Amino acid sequence: MTLHMENLFIQLLIVIMFLAAVFLHVVKKNSTAAFLYCAQSSAMALILLIASIEAGSRPLLFVALATFVVKTLTAPLFFAHLIRRHQLKFSASTYLNVPLTLIAVAALTALTHSHVFASLTALGDGREGMLSLALAMMLISLFLIVNRKGAISQMIGILSLENSIVAFAVFAGLEQASGLQMGIMFDILVWVVVATVFTSMMYKQFGSLDVTAMRRLKE
């Protein structure tokens, strides 16, 4: 693969990740949201794989493979189990309607391409556009967490945020940092456990994974 084709392929992967984060705001089925997350994670694993090959780094290659196995192969089974166990075919609603949600997503994306984040995107050294998309994914994922009422959608938002942070680190040239690699592995090891315990306790207590059912905690 030539350098030009490789860059085009990486650009395609980051666009796929970005579009997955956007569509997570409008899908109605939990199964579709889980599929979008898996597609995003597959693209992230490929980006890590390409980075490991470029750097000749075995630890980074291991991280890429672990990301693919856990987030692309295992995650669908995990979410399918939750959806089937708690009968969560459709996701909870959002606080903002779809038009307002898309306007907010567009505004956040435009913000990351403005001078406000110019100092961060300058770290890209030729990949400023990719860094801007990674930053946009961060903001969009954060917005997903606060805009969705369903626990599964919020979990996926947190995991999408983690993917976007890793993507930003790779395009900023930080993929060789041992702290980043350890952080990715730690995330991979604990996210299933935390998500399983959280959802099980919430459903047992409230009989629902709609976070609005937790309003009585304020009383």
N, C-alpha and C. Protein backbone atom coordinates (compact mmCIF):
# COMPACT_ATOMS: atom_id res chain seq x y z
N MET A 1 0.85 -1.20 0.00
CA MET A 1 0.00 0.00 0.00
C MET A 1 0.89 1.25 0.00
N THR A 2 0.70 2.13 -0.95
CA THR A 2 1.49 3.35 -1.02
C THR A 2 1.09 4.30 0.10
N LEU A 3 1.96 5.29 0.34
CA LEU A 3 1.69 6.25 1.41
C LEU A 3 0.40 7.01 1.15
N HIS A 4 0.17 7.39 -0.12
CA HIS A 4 -1.04 8.14 -0.45
C HIS A 4 -2.30 7.30 -0.20
N MET A 5 -2.27 6.05 -0.64
CA MET A 5 -3.42 5.17 -0.42
C MET A 5 -3.63 4.90 1.05
N GLU A 6 -2.54 4.78 1.79
CA GLU A 6 -2.63 4.55 3.23
C GLU A 6 -3.31 5.73 3.92
N ASN A 7 -2.91 6.94 3.54
CA ASN A 7 -3.53 8.13 4.14
C ASN A 7 -5.01 8.22 3.79
N LEU A 8 -5.36 7.87 2.55
CA LEU A 8 -6.76 7.88 2.15
C LEU A 8 -7.56 6.87 2.96
N PHE A 9 -6.96 5.70 3.19
CA PHE A 9 -7.63 4.65 3.95
C PHE A 9 -7.84 5.09 5.40
N ILE A 10 -6.83 5.73 5.99
CA ILE A 10 -6.95 6.21 7.36
C ILE A 10 -8.01 7.31 7.44
N GLN A 11 -8.04 8.18 6.45
CA GLN A 11 -9.07 9.22 6.40
C GLN A 11 -10.47 8.60 6.33
N LEU A 12 -10.61 7.55 5.54
CA LEU A 12 -11.89 6.85 5.44
C LEU A 12 -12.29 6.26 6.79
N LEU A 13 -11.32 5.70 7.51
CA LEU A 13 -11.61 5.09 8.80
C LEU A 13 -12.07 6.13 9.82
N ILE A 14 -11.42 7.29 9.87
CA ILE A 14 -11.81 8.31 10.84
C ILE A 14 -13.18 8.90 10.47
N VAL A 15 -13.47 8.97 9.17
CA VAL A 15 -14.80 9.43 8.74
C VAL A 15 -15.86 8.43 9.18
N ILE A 16 -15.57 7.15 9.06
CA ILE A 16 -16.51 6.12 9.51
C ILE A 16 -16.77 6.26 11.01
N MET A 17 -15.71 6.49 11.78
CA MET A 17 -15.86 6.67 13.22
C MET A 17 -16.72 7.89 13.53
N PHE A 18 -16.47 8.97 12.81
CA PHE A 18 -17.23 10.20 13.03
C PHE A 18 -18.71 10.01 12.69
N LEU A 19 -18.99 9.40 11.53
CA LEU A 19 -20.37 9.19 11.12
C LEU A 19 -21.10 8.27 12.10
N ALA A 20 -20.39 7.28 12.62
CA ALA A 20 -21.01 6.39 13.61
C ALA A 20 -21.41 7.17 14.85
N ALA A 21 -20.55 8.09 15.29
CA ALA A 21 -20.87 8.92 16.46
C ALA A 21 -22.08 9.81 16.19
N VAL A 22 -22.19 10.32 14.96
CA VAL A 22 -23.33 11.17 14.60
C VAL A 22 -24.62 10.37 14.58
N PHE A 23 -24.61 9.22 13.91
CA PHE A 23 -25.83 8.41 13.78
C PHE A 23 -26.28 7.83 15.11
N LEU A 24 -25.38 7.72 16.08
CA LEU A 24 -25.78 7.25 17.40
C LEU A 24 -26.83 8.16 18.03
N HIS A 25 -26.88 9.41 17.57
CA HIS A 25 -27.83 10.37 18.12
C HIS A 25 -29.24 10.19 17.56
N VAL A 26 -29.37 9.54 16.43
CA VAL A 26 -30.68 9.49 15.77
C VAL A 26 -31.28 8.09 15.69
N VAL A 27 -30.49 7.05 15.91
CA VAL A 27 -31.04 5.69 15.82
C VAL A 27 -32.01 5.44 16.97
N LYS A 28 -32.99 4.59 16.70
CA LYS A 28 -34.02 4.30 17.69
C LYS A 28 -33.86 2.92 18.34
N LYS A 29 -33.17 2.01 17.66
CA LYS A 29 -33.02 0.67 18.21
C LYS A 29 -31.68 0.52 18.92
N ASN A 30 -31.71 -0.12 20.08
CA ASN A 30 -30.47 -0.39 20.81
C ASN A 30 -29.53 -1.28 20.00
N SER A 31 -30.09 -2.23 19.26
CA SER A 31 -29.26 -3.12 18.45
C SER A 31 -28.52 -2.35 17.37
N THR A 32 -29.17 -1.34 16.78
CA THR A 32 -28.52 -0.52 15.77
C THR A 32 -27.41 0.32 16.39
N ALA A 33 -27.66 0.86 17.58
CA ALA A 33 -26.63 1.64 18.29
C ALA A 33 -25.43 0.77 18.60
N ALA A 34 -25.67 -0.48 19.02
CA ALA A 34 -24.57 -1.40 19.31
C ALA A 34 -23.78 -1.70 18.04
N PHE A 35 -24.47 -1.85 16.91
CA PHE A 35 -23.79 -2.10 15.63
C PHE A 35 -22.91 -0.92 15.25
N LEU A 36 -23.43 0.29 15.42
CA LEU A 36 -22.66 1.49 15.08
C LEU A 36 -21.40 1.58 15.95
N TYR A 37 -21.54 1.25 17.23
CA TYR A 37 -20.37 1.27 18.11
C TYR A 37 -19.34 0.25 17.67
N CYS A 38 -19.80 -0.94 17.28
CA CYS A 38 -18.87 -1.98 16.83
C CYS A 38 -18.17 -1.56 15.54
N ALA A 39 -18.90 -0.89 14.65
CA ALA A 39 -18.28 -0.40 13.41
C ALA A 39 -17.22 0.65 13.74
N GLN A 40 -17.55 1.53 14.69
CA GLN A 40 -16.58 2.54 15.11
C GLN A 40 -15.34 1.90 15.72
N SER A 41 -15.55 0.89 16.55
CA SER A 41 -14.43 0.22 17.21
C SER A 41 -13.58 -0.56 16.21
N SER A 42 -14.23 -1.13 15.18
CA SER A 42 -13.47 -1.84 14.14
C SER A 42 -12.55 -0.88 13.40
N ALA A 43 -13.08 0.31 13.09
CA ALA A 43 -12.25 1.33 12.43
C ALA A 43 -11.10 1.76 13.33
N MET A 44 -11.38 1.89 14.64
CA MET A 44 -10.34 2.28 15.59
C MET A 44 -9.26 1.21 15.67
N ALA A 45 -9.66 -0.07 15.68
CA ALA A 45 -8.70 -1.16 15.72
C ALA A 45 -7.81 -1.16 14.49
N LEU A 46 -8.38 -0.87 13.32
CA LEU A 46 -7.59 -0.80 12.08
C LEU A 46 -6.61 0.35 12.12
N ILE A 47 -7.04 1.49 12.67
CA ILE A 47 -6.13 2.64 12.80
C ILE A 47 -4.95 2.29 13.70
N LEU A 48 -5.23 1.61 14.81
CA LEU A 48 -4.17 1.18 15.72
C LEU A 48 -3.25 0.16 15.04
N LEU A 49 -3.84 -0.72 14.24
CA LEU A 49 -3.04 -1.72 13.53
C LEU A 49 -2.09 -1.05 12.55
N ILE A 50 -2.59 -0.09 11.79
CA ILE A 50 -1.74 0.63 10.83
C ILE A 50 -0.64 1.39 11.57
N ALA A 51 -1.00 2.02 12.71
CA ALA A 51 0.00 2.76 13.49
C ALA A 51 1.07 1.82 14.04
N SER A 52 0.68 0.62 14.44
CA SER A 52 1.65 -0.33 14.98
C SER A 52 2.60 -0.82 13.89
N ILE A 53 2.07 -1.00 12.69
CA ILE A 53 2.92 -1.44 11.57
C ILE A 53 3.90 -0.33 11.19
N GLU A 54 3.41 0.91 11.14
CA GLU A 54 4.28 2.04 10.80
C GLU A 54 5.40 2.20 11.82
N ALA A 55 5.06 2.02 13.12
CA ALA A 55 6.05 2.21 14.18
C ALA A 55 6.84 0.95 14.49
N GLY A 56 6.41 -0.19 13.95
CA GLY A 56 7.07 -1.45 14.28
C GLY A 56 6.96 -1.78 15.75
N SER A 57 5.81 -1.45 16.36
CA SER A 57 5.63 -1.62 17.80
C SER A 57 4.78 -2.85 18.10
N ARG A 58 5.35 -3.83 18.78
CA ARG A 58 4.61 -5.02 19.16
C ARG A 58 3.56 -4.73 20.24
N PRO A 59 3.90 -3.91 21.27
CA PRO A 59 2.86 -3.59 22.26
C PRO A 59 1.64 -2.92 21.65
N LEU A 60 1.87 -2.02 20.69
CA LEU A 60 0.75 -1.35 20.03
C LEU A 60 -0.04 -2.32 19.17
N LEU A 61 0.66 -3.28 18.56
CA LEU A 61 -0.02 -4.31 17.78
C LEU A 61 -0.92 -5.15 18.68
N PHE A 62 -0.42 -5.47 19.87
CA PHE A 62 -1.22 -6.23 20.84
C PHE A 62 -2.46 -5.45 21.25
N VAL A 63 -2.29 -4.14 21.46
CA VAL A 63 -3.42 -3.28 21.81
C VAL A 63 -4.46 -3.28 20.69
N ALA A 64 -3.98 -3.20 19.44
CA ALA A 64 -4.89 -3.20 18.29
C ALA A 64 -5.69 -4.50 18.22
N LEU A 65 -5.00 -5.62 18.42
CA LEU A 65 -5.68 -6.91 18.36
C LEU A 65 -6.67 -7.07 19.52
N ALA A 66 -6.26 -6.62 20.71
CA ALA A 66 -7.15 -6.71 21.87
C ALA A 66 -8.38 -5.83 21.67
N THR A 67 -8.18 -4.65 21.09
CA THR A 67 -9.31 -3.77 20.80
C THR A 67 -10.29 -4.43 19.85
N PHE A 68 -9.75 -5.08 18.83
CA PHE A 68 -10.62 -5.75 17.85
C PHE A 68 -11.38 -6.91 18.49
N VAL A 69 -10.69 -7.73 19.25
CA VAL A 69 -11.33 -8.91 19.84
C VAL A 69 -12.41 -8.52 20.84
N VAL A 70 -12.09 -7.58 21.74
CA VAL A 70 -13.02 -7.24 22.80
C VAL A 70 -14.15 -6.33 22.30
N LYS A 71 -13.80 -5.28 21.57
CA LYS A 71 -14.81 -4.28 21.21
C LYS A 71 -15.57 -4.61 19.93
N THR A 72 -14.97 -5.40 19.05
CA THR A 72 -15.65 -5.72 17.80
C THR A 72 -16.31 -7.09 17.83
N LEU A 73 -15.67 -8.06 18.49
CA LEU A 73 -16.22 -9.41 18.54
C LEU A 73 -17.03 -9.68 19.80
N THR A 74 -16.51 -9.22 20.96
CA THR A 74 -17.17 -9.51 22.23
C THR A 74 -18.30 -8.54 22.53
N ALA A 75 -18.11 -7.25 22.21
CA ALA A 75 -19.11 -6.23 22.52
C ALA A 75 -20.49 -6.54 21.94
N PRO A 76 -20.59 -7.01 20.67
CA PRO A 76 -21.93 -7.32 20.15
C PRO A 76 -22.66 -8.37 20.98
N LEU A 77 -21.91 -9.38 21.44
CA LEU A 77 -22.52 -10.42 22.27
C LEU A 77 -22.98 -9.85 23.61
N PHE A 78 -22.18 -8.95 24.16
CA PHE A 78 -22.52 -8.33 25.45
C PHE A 78 -23.79 -7.49 25.33
N PHE A 79 -23.83 -6.63 24.32
CA PHE A 79 -25.01 -5.78 24.15
C PHE A 79 -26.24 -6.60 23.77
N ALA A 80 -26.05 -7.63 22.95
CA ALA A 80 -27.18 -8.49 22.58
C ALA A 80 -27.75 -9.18 23.81
N HIS A 81 -26.87 -9.59 24.72
CA HIS A 81 -27.32 -10.22 25.96
C HIS A 81 -28.12 -9.24 26.81
N LEU A 82 -27.64 -8.01 26.93
CA LEU A 82 -28.37 -7.01 27.71
C LEU A 82 -29.73 -6.71 27.10
N ILE A 83 -29.75 -6.54 25.78
CA ILE A 83 -31.00 -6.21 25.10
C ILE A 83 -32.02 -7.33 25.25
N ARG A 84 -31.55 -8.57 25.10
CA ARG A 84 -32.44 -9.72 25.21
C ARG A 84 -32.89 -9.93 26.66
N ARG A 85 -31.97 -9.79 27.59
CA ARG A 85 -32.28 -10.04 29.00
C ARG A 85 -33.27 -9.03 29.54
N HIS A 86 -33.10 -7.77 29.19
CA HIS A 86 -33.96 -6.71 29.74
C HIS A 86 -35.03 -6.24 28.74
N GLN A 87 -35.15 -6.96 27.60
CA GLN A 87 -36.17 -6.65 26.60
C GLN A 87 -36.09 -5.17 26.18
N LEU A 88 -34.90 -4.79 25.72
CA LEU A 88 -34.63 -3.39 25.39
C LEU A 88 -34.47 -3.23 23.87
N LYS A 89 -35.50 -3.60 23.14
CA LYS A 89 -35.41 -3.53 21.68
C LYS A 89 -35.21 -2.10 21.21
N PHE A 90 -35.98 -1.18 21.78
CA PHE A 90 -35.86 0.22 21.37
C PHE A 90 -35.16 1.02 22.46
N SER A 91 -34.39 1.99 22.04
CA SER A 91 -33.64 2.82 22.98
C SER A 91 -34.53 3.88 23.58
N ALA A 92 -34.08 4.43 24.69
CA ALA A 92 -34.84 5.50 25.33
C ALA A 92 -34.76 6.76 24.48
N SER A 93 -35.67 7.67 24.74
CA SER A 93 -35.72 8.91 23.98
C SER A 93 -34.60 9.86 24.39
N THR A 94 -34.54 10.99 23.69
CA THR A 94 -33.55 12.02 23.98
C THR A 94 -34.24 13.23 24.62
N TYR A 95 -33.46 14.05 25.26
CA TYR A 95 -34.00 15.27 25.85
C TYR A 95 -34.35 16.29 24.77
N LEU A 96 -33.52 16.35 23.71
CA LEU A 96 -33.80 17.23 22.57
C LEU A 96 -34.37 16.40 21.43
N ASN A 97 -35.25 16.98 20.63
CA ASN A 97 -35.76 16.26 19.48
C ASN A 97 -34.68 16.13 18.41
N VAL A 98 -34.96 15.34 17.38
CA VAL A 98 -33.94 15.04 16.36
C VAL A 98 -33.42 16.29 15.65
N PRO A 99 -34.28 17.21 15.18
CA PRO A 99 -33.74 18.41 14.51
C PRO A 99 -32.80 19.23 15.40
N LEU A 100 -33.21 19.44 16.65
CA LEU A 100 -32.35 20.21 17.56
C LEU A 100 -31.06 19.45 17.88
N THR A 101 -31.17 18.13 17.98
CA THR A 101 -29.99 17.31 18.23
C THR A 101 -28.99 17.44 17.09
N LEU A 102 -29.47 17.36 15.85
CA LEU A 102 -28.58 17.47 14.69
C LEU A 102 -27.98 18.86 14.58
N ILE A 103 -28.75 19.88 14.95
CA ILE A 103 -28.22 21.25 14.94
C ILE A 103 -27.08 21.36 15.96
N ALA A 104 -27.27 20.76 17.12
CA ALA A 104 -26.23 20.79 18.16
C ALA A 104 -24.99 20.04 17.69
N VAL A 105 -25.19 18.89 17.04
CA VAL A 105 -24.06 18.11 16.53
C VAL A 105 -23.29 18.91 15.48
N ALA A 106 -24.02 19.58 14.59
CA ALA A 106 -23.37 20.40 13.55
C ALA A 106 -22.59 21.55 14.18
N ALA A 107 -23.16 22.16 15.21
CA ALA A 107 -22.50 23.29 15.87
C ALA A 107 -21.21 22.82 16.56
N LEU A 108 -21.26 21.66 17.21
CA LEU A 108 -20.07 21.13 17.87
C LEU A 108 -18.98 20.78 16.86
N THR A 109 -19.39 20.24 15.72
CA THR A 109 -18.43 19.90 14.68
C THR A 109 -17.78 21.17 14.11
N ALA A 110 -18.59 22.19 13.88
CA ALA A 110 -18.06 23.45 13.37
C ALA A 110 -17.10 24.08 14.37
N LEU A 111 -17.41 23.94 15.64
CA LEU A 111 -16.56 24.51 16.68
C LEU A 111 -15.16 23.93 16.65
N THR A 112 -15.06 22.62 16.42
CA THR A 112 -13.74 21.98 16.41
C THR A 112 -12.91 22.39 15.19
N HIS A 113 -13.55 22.93 14.17
CA HIS A 113 -12.82 23.40 12.99
C HIS A 113 -12.55 24.91 13.05
N SER A 114 -12.86 25.52 14.18
CA SER A 114 -12.64 26.96 14.34
C SER A 114 -11.29 27.22 15.00
N HIS A 115 -11.00 28.51 15.18
CA HIS A 115 -9.71 28.89 15.78
C HIS A 115 -9.64 28.50 17.26
N VAL A 116 -10.76 28.17 17.86
CA VAL A 116 -10.78 27.81 19.29
C VAL A 116 -9.90 26.60 19.55
N PHE A 117 -9.92 25.64 18.62
CA PHE A 117 -9.14 24.42 18.79
C PHE A 117 -7.93 24.38 17.86
N ALA A 118 -7.56 25.51 17.32
CA ALA A 118 -6.45 25.55 16.36
C ALA A 118 -5.14 25.05 16.96
N SER A 119 -4.91 25.37 18.23
CA SER A 119 -3.65 24.95 18.86
C SER A 119 -3.58 23.44 19.04
N LEU A 120 -4.74 22.80 19.19
CA LEU A 120 -4.76 21.35 19.34
C LEU A 120 -4.63 20.65 17.99
N THR A 121 -5.35 21.14 17.01
CA THR A 121 -5.28 20.51 15.69
C THR A 121 -3.91 20.70 15.05
N ALA A 122 -3.17 21.72 15.49
CA ALA A 122 -1.83 21.94 14.95
C ALA A 122 -0.88 20.80 15.32
N LEU A 123 -1.25 19.98 16.32
CA LEU A 123 -0.42 18.85 16.71
C LEU A 123 -0.41 17.75 15.65
N GLY A 124 -1.33 17.86 14.69
CA GLY A 124 -1.48 16.80 13.70
C GLY A 124 -0.33 16.66 12.72
N ASP A 125 0.43 17.71 12.51
CA ASP A 125 1.57 17.67 11.59
C ASP A 125 1.16 17.08 10.24
N GLY A 126 0.17 17.72 9.60
CA GLY A 126 -0.32 17.25 8.32
C GLY A 126 -1.61 16.49 8.41
N ARG A 127 -2.04 16.19 9.62
CA ARG A 127 -3.29 15.46 9.83
C ARG A 127 -4.28 16.30 10.63
N GLU A 128 -4.26 17.60 10.38
CA GLU A 128 -5.11 18.50 11.15
C GLU A 128 -6.60 18.17 10.98
N GLY A 129 -6.99 17.79 9.76
CA GLY A 129 -8.39 17.46 9.52
C GLY A 129 -8.83 16.25 10.32
N MET A 130 -7.96 15.25 10.43
CA MET A 130 -8.27 14.06 11.21
C MET A 130 -8.38 14.38 12.69
N LEU A 131 -7.49 15.26 13.16
CA LEU A 131 -7.56 15.66 14.57
C LEU A 131 -8.85 16.42 14.85
N SER A 132 -9.27 17.25 13.90
CA SER A 132 -10.52 17.98 14.07
C SER A 132 -11.70 17.04 14.18
N LEU A 133 -11.71 15.99 13.35
CA LEU A 133 -12.78 15.01 13.42
C LEU A 133 -12.75 14.25 14.75
N ALA A 134 -11.54 13.93 15.22
CA ALA A 134 -11.42 13.24 16.51
C ALA A 134 -11.95 14.13 17.64
N LEU A 135 -11.62 15.41 17.60
CA LEU A 135 -12.15 16.35 18.59
C LEU A 135 -13.66 16.45 18.50
N ALA A 136 -14.18 16.50 17.27
CA ALA A 136 -15.62 16.57 17.08
C ALA A 136 -16.29 15.32 17.66
N MET A 137 -15.66 14.16 17.47
CA MET A 137 -16.20 12.92 18.04
C MET A 137 -16.26 12.99 19.56
N MET A 138 -15.23 13.58 20.17
CA MET A 138 -15.24 13.73 21.63
C MET A 138 -16.45 14.52 22.10
N LEU A 139 -16.65 15.69 21.49
CA LEU A 139 -17.76 16.56 21.89
C LEU A 139 -19.11 15.92 21.59
N ILE A 140 -19.21 15.27 20.43
CA ILE A 140 -20.46 14.62 20.05
C ILE A 140 -20.78 13.47 21.00
N SER A 141 -19.75 12.72 21.39
CA SER A 141 -19.95 11.61 22.32
C SER A 141 -20.37 12.11 23.70
N LEU A 142 -19.76 13.19 24.15
CA LEU A 142 -20.16 13.80 25.42
C LEU A 142 -21.62 14.26 25.36
N PHE A 143 -21.99 14.84 24.23
CA PHE A 143 -23.37 15.29 24.05
C PHE A 143 -24.33 14.11 24.05
N LEU A 144 -23.90 12.98 23.47
CA LEU A 144 -24.73 11.77 23.47
C LEU A 144 -25.00 11.31 24.89
N ILE A 145 -23.99 11.38 25.74
CA ILE A 145 -24.13 10.93 27.12
C ILE A 145 -25.18 11.75 27.86
N VAL A 146 -25.19 13.06 27.64
CA VAL A 146 -26.12 13.92 28.39
C VAL A 146 -27.48 14.04 27.72
N ASN A 147 -27.56 13.71 26.42
CA ASN A 147 -28.82 13.90 25.70
C ASN A 147 -29.70 12.65 25.71
N ARG A 148 -29.11 11.47 25.83
CA ARG A 148 -29.87 10.24 25.84
C ARG A 148 -30.37 9.91 27.25
N LYS A 149 -31.54 9.29 27.31
CA LYS A 149 -32.13 8.90 28.59
C LYS A 149 -31.87 7.43 28.93
N GLY A 150 -31.45 6.65 27.95
CA GLY A 150 -31.23 5.22 28.17
C GLY A 150 -29.83 4.91 28.63
N ALA A 151 -29.71 3.98 29.57
CA ALA A 151 -28.40 3.63 30.13
C ALA A 151 -27.49 3.01 29.08
N ILE A 152 -28.04 2.16 28.21
CA ILE A 152 -27.21 1.53 27.18
C ILE A 152 -26.64 2.59 26.23
N SER A 153 -27.48 3.53 25.82
CA SER A 153 -27.01 4.61 24.94
C SER A 153 -25.94 5.43 25.62
N GLN A 154 -26.09 5.67 26.92
CA GLN A 154 -25.09 6.44 27.65
C GLN A 154 -23.78 5.66 27.77
N MET A 155 -23.87 4.35 27.98
CA MET A 155 -22.67 3.52 28.02
C MET A 155 -21.95 3.57 26.68
N ILE A 156 -22.71 3.44 25.60
CA ILE A 156 -22.11 3.49 24.28
C ILE A 156 -21.48 4.87 24.04
N GLY A 157 -22.11 5.92 24.56
CA GLY A 157 -21.53 7.26 24.45
C GLY A 157 -20.18 7.36 25.15
N ILE A 158 -20.08 6.75 26.33
CA ILE A 158 -18.81 6.76 27.07
C ILE A 158 -17.75 6.00 26.28
N LEU A 159 -18.12 4.85 25.72
CA LEU A 159 -17.17 4.05 24.96
C LEU A 159 -16.78 4.74 23.66
N SER A 160 -17.73 5.45 23.05
CA SER A 160 -17.42 6.23 21.85
C SER A 160 -16.46 7.36 22.19
N LEU A 161 -16.63 7.96 23.36
CA LEU A 161 -15.71 9.00 23.81
C LEU A 161 -14.31 8.45 23.97
N GLU A 162 -14.22 7.24 24.51
CA GLU A 162 -12.90 6.61 24.67
C GLU A 162 -12.25 6.36 23.32
N ASN A 163 -13.05 5.89 22.35
CA ASN A 163 -12.51 5.68 21.00
C ASN A 163 -11.99 6.97 20.40
N SER A 164 -12.73 8.05 20.60
CA SER A 164 -12.32 9.33 20.03
C SER A 164 -11.05 9.86 20.68
N ILE A 165 -10.89 9.61 21.97
CA ILE A 165 -9.67 10.04 22.66
C ILE A 165 -8.46 9.28 22.13
N VAL A 166 -8.63 7.96 21.93
CA VAL A 166 -7.54 7.15 21.38
C VAL A 166 -7.20 7.61 19.96
N ALA A 167 -8.23 7.89 19.16
CA ALA A 167 -7.99 8.36 17.79
C ALA A 167 -7.21 9.68 17.81
N PHE A 168 -7.60 10.58 18.71
CA PHE A 168 -6.89 11.86 18.80
C PHE A 168 -5.43 11.64 19.17
N ALA A 169 -5.19 10.73 20.12
CA ALA A 169 -3.82 10.47 20.55
C ALA A 169 -2.98 9.90 19.41
N VAL A 170 -3.57 9.02 18.61
CA VAL A 170 -2.84 8.43 17.48
C VAL A 170 -2.47 9.51 16.47
N PHE A 171 -3.43 10.36 16.10
CA PHE A 171 -3.17 11.38 15.09
C PHE A 171 -2.29 12.51 15.61
N ALA A 172 -2.20 12.62 16.94
CA ALA A 172 -1.31 13.61 17.54
C ALA A 172 0.10 13.06 17.75
N GLY A 173 0.30 11.79 17.36
CA GLY A 173 1.63 11.19 17.47
C GLY A 173 1.97 10.66 18.84
N LEU A 174 0.94 10.34 19.65
CA LEU A 174 1.18 9.88 21.01
C LEU A 174 0.96 8.38 21.17
N GLU A 175 0.81 7.66 20.05
CA GLU A 175 0.45 6.25 20.16
C GLU A 175 1.54 5.39 20.78
N GLN A 176 2.80 5.90 20.77
CA GLN A 176 3.90 5.13 21.36
C GLN A 176 4.02 5.32 22.86
N ALA A 177 3.25 6.25 23.42
CA ALA A 177 3.32 6.50 24.86
C ALA A 177 2.83 5.29 25.63
N SER A 178 3.64 4.81 26.57
CA SER A 178 3.26 3.62 27.34
C SER A 178 2.02 3.88 28.17
N GLY A 179 1.85 5.11 28.64
CA GLY A 179 0.67 5.45 29.42
C GLY A 179 -0.61 5.29 28.62
N LEU A 180 -0.56 5.70 27.34
CA LEU A 180 -1.74 5.55 26.49
C LEU A 180 -2.05 4.08 26.26
N GLN A 181 -1.04 3.28 25.98
CA GLN A 181 -1.26 1.86 25.73
C GLN A 181 -1.81 1.16 26.97
N MET A 182 -1.28 1.49 28.14
CA MET A 182 -1.79 0.90 29.37
C MET A 182 -3.23 1.35 29.63
N GLY A 183 -3.52 2.62 29.30
CA GLY A 183 -4.86 3.13 29.49
C GLY A 183 -5.87 2.41 28.62
N ILE A 184 -5.50 2.14 27.38
CA ILE A 184 -6.39 1.41 26.48
C ILE A 184 -6.64 0.01 27.00
N MET A 185 -5.59 -0.66 27.45
CA MET A 185 -5.76 -2.01 27.95
C MET A 185 -6.62 -2.03 29.21
N PHE A 186 -6.42 -1.03 30.08
CA PHE A 186 -7.23 -0.96 31.30
C PHE A 186 -8.70 -0.78 30.94
N ASP A 187 -8.95 0.08 29.98
CA ASP A 187 -10.33 0.30 29.54
C ASP A 187 -10.94 -0.98 29.00
N ILE A 188 -10.18 -1.72 28.20
CA ILE A 188 -10.67 -2.95 27.61
C ILE A 188 -10.99 -3.98 28.69
N LEU A 189 -10.18 -4.02 29.73
CA LEU A 189 -10.35 -5.03 30.77
C LEU A 189 -11.54 -4.77 31.68
N VAL A 190 -11.85 -3.49 31.94
CA VAL A 190 -12.85 -3.20 32.97
C VAL A 190 -14.21 -2.77 32.44
N TRP A 191 -14.33 -2.37 31.16
CA TRP A 191 -15.58 -1.77 30.74
C TRP A 191 -16.75 -2.75 30.76
N VAL A 192 -16.49 -4.02 30.42
CA VAL A 192 -17.56 -5.02 30.43
C VAL A 192 -18.05 -5.26 31.85
N VAL A 193 -17.10 -5.36 32.78
CA VAL A 193 -17.47 -5.62 34.18
C VAL A 193 -18.29 -4.48 34.75
N VAL A 194 -17.83 -3.26 34.55
CA VAL A 194 -18.53 -2.09 35.08
C VAL A 194 -19.92 -1.95 34.45
N ALA A 195 -19.98 -2.11 33.14
CA ALA A 195 -21.27 -1.98 32.45
C ALA A 195 -22.25 -3.05 32.90
N THR A 196 -21.76 -4.28 33.08
CA THR A 196 -22.65 -5.37 33.51
C THR A 196 -23.21 -5.12 34.90
N VAL A 197 -22.34 -4.73 35.83
CA VAL A 197 -22.79 -4.49 37.20
C VAL A 197 -23.75 -3.30 37.25
N PHE A 198 -23.41 -2.22 36.53
CA PHE A 198 -24.25 -1.01 36.55
C PHE A 198 -25.65 -1.30 36.01
N THR A 199 -25.72 -1.94 34.85
CA THR A 199 -27.03 -2.18 34.25
C THR A 199 -27.84 -3.17 35.07
N SER A 200 -27.19 -4.19 35.61
CA SER A 200 -27.92 -5.18 36.40
C SER A 200 -28.49 -4.55 37.66
N MET A 201 -27.71 -3.73 38.35
CA MET A 201 -28.19 -3.09 39.57
C MET A 201 -29.30 -2.09 39.27
N MET A 202 -29.16 -1.33 38.18
CA MET A 202 -30.18 -0.35 37.84
C MET A 202 -31.50 -1.02 37.48
N TYR A 203 -31.41 -2.10 36.68
CA TYR A 203 -32.64 -2.78 36.27
C TYR A 203 -33.30 -3.46 37.47
N LYS A 204 -32.51 -4.03 38.36
CA LYS A 204 -33.05 -4.68 39.54
C LYS A 204 -33.75 -3.69 40.45
N GLN A 205 -33.21 -2.48 40.56
CA GLN A 205 -33.75 -1.48 41.47
C GLN A 205 -34.96 -0.76 40.88
N PHE A 206 -34.89 -0.43 39.57
CA PHE A 206 -35.92 0.42 38.97
C PHE A 206 -36.79 -0.29 37.94
N GLY A 207 -36.39 -1.50 37.52
CA GLY A 207 -37.16 -2.22 36.52
C GLY A 207 -37.07 -1.59 35.15
N SER A 208 -36.08 -0.74 34.93
CA SER A 208 -35.93 -0.04 33.65
C SER A 208 -34.49 0.45 33.54
N LEU A 209 -34.05 0.63 32.28
CA LEU A 209 -32.74 1.23 32.05
C LEU A 209 -32.86 2.64 31.51
N ASP A 210 -34.05 3.22 31.66
CA ASP A 210 -34.27 4.63 31.34
C ASP A 210 -33.84 5.45 32.56
N VAL A 211 -32.84 6.31 32.39
CA VAL A 211 -32.29 7.01 33.54
C VAL A 211 -33.28 7.98 34.19
N THR A 212 -34.36 8.32 33.48
CA THR A 212 -35.35 9.19 34.09
C THR A 212 -36.08 8.48 35.23
N ALA A 213 -35.97 7.13 35.25
CA ALA A 213 -36.58 6.38 36.34
C ALA A 213 -35.86 6.61 37.66
N MET A 214 -34.70 7.26 37.60
CA MET A 214 -33.90 7.50 38.80
C MET A 214 -34.23 8.85 39.43
N ARG A 215 -35.27 9.50 38.95
CA ARG A 215 -35.60 10.82 39.48
C ARG A 215 -35.95 10.76 40.96
N ARG A 216 -36.50 9.64 41.40
CA ARG A 216 -36.91 9.56 42.79
C ARG A 216 -35.73 9.57 43.76
N LEU A 217 -34.50 9.37 43.22
CA LEU A 217 -33.32 9.45 44.07
C LEU A 217 -33.14 10.86 44.63
N LYS A 218 -33.73 11.85 43.95
CA LYS A 218 -33.60 13.22 44.40
C LYS A 218 -34.51 13.52 45.59
N GLU A 219 -35.51 12.70 45.80
CA GLU A 219 -36.49 12.95 46.83
C GLU A 219 -35.97 12.55 48.21
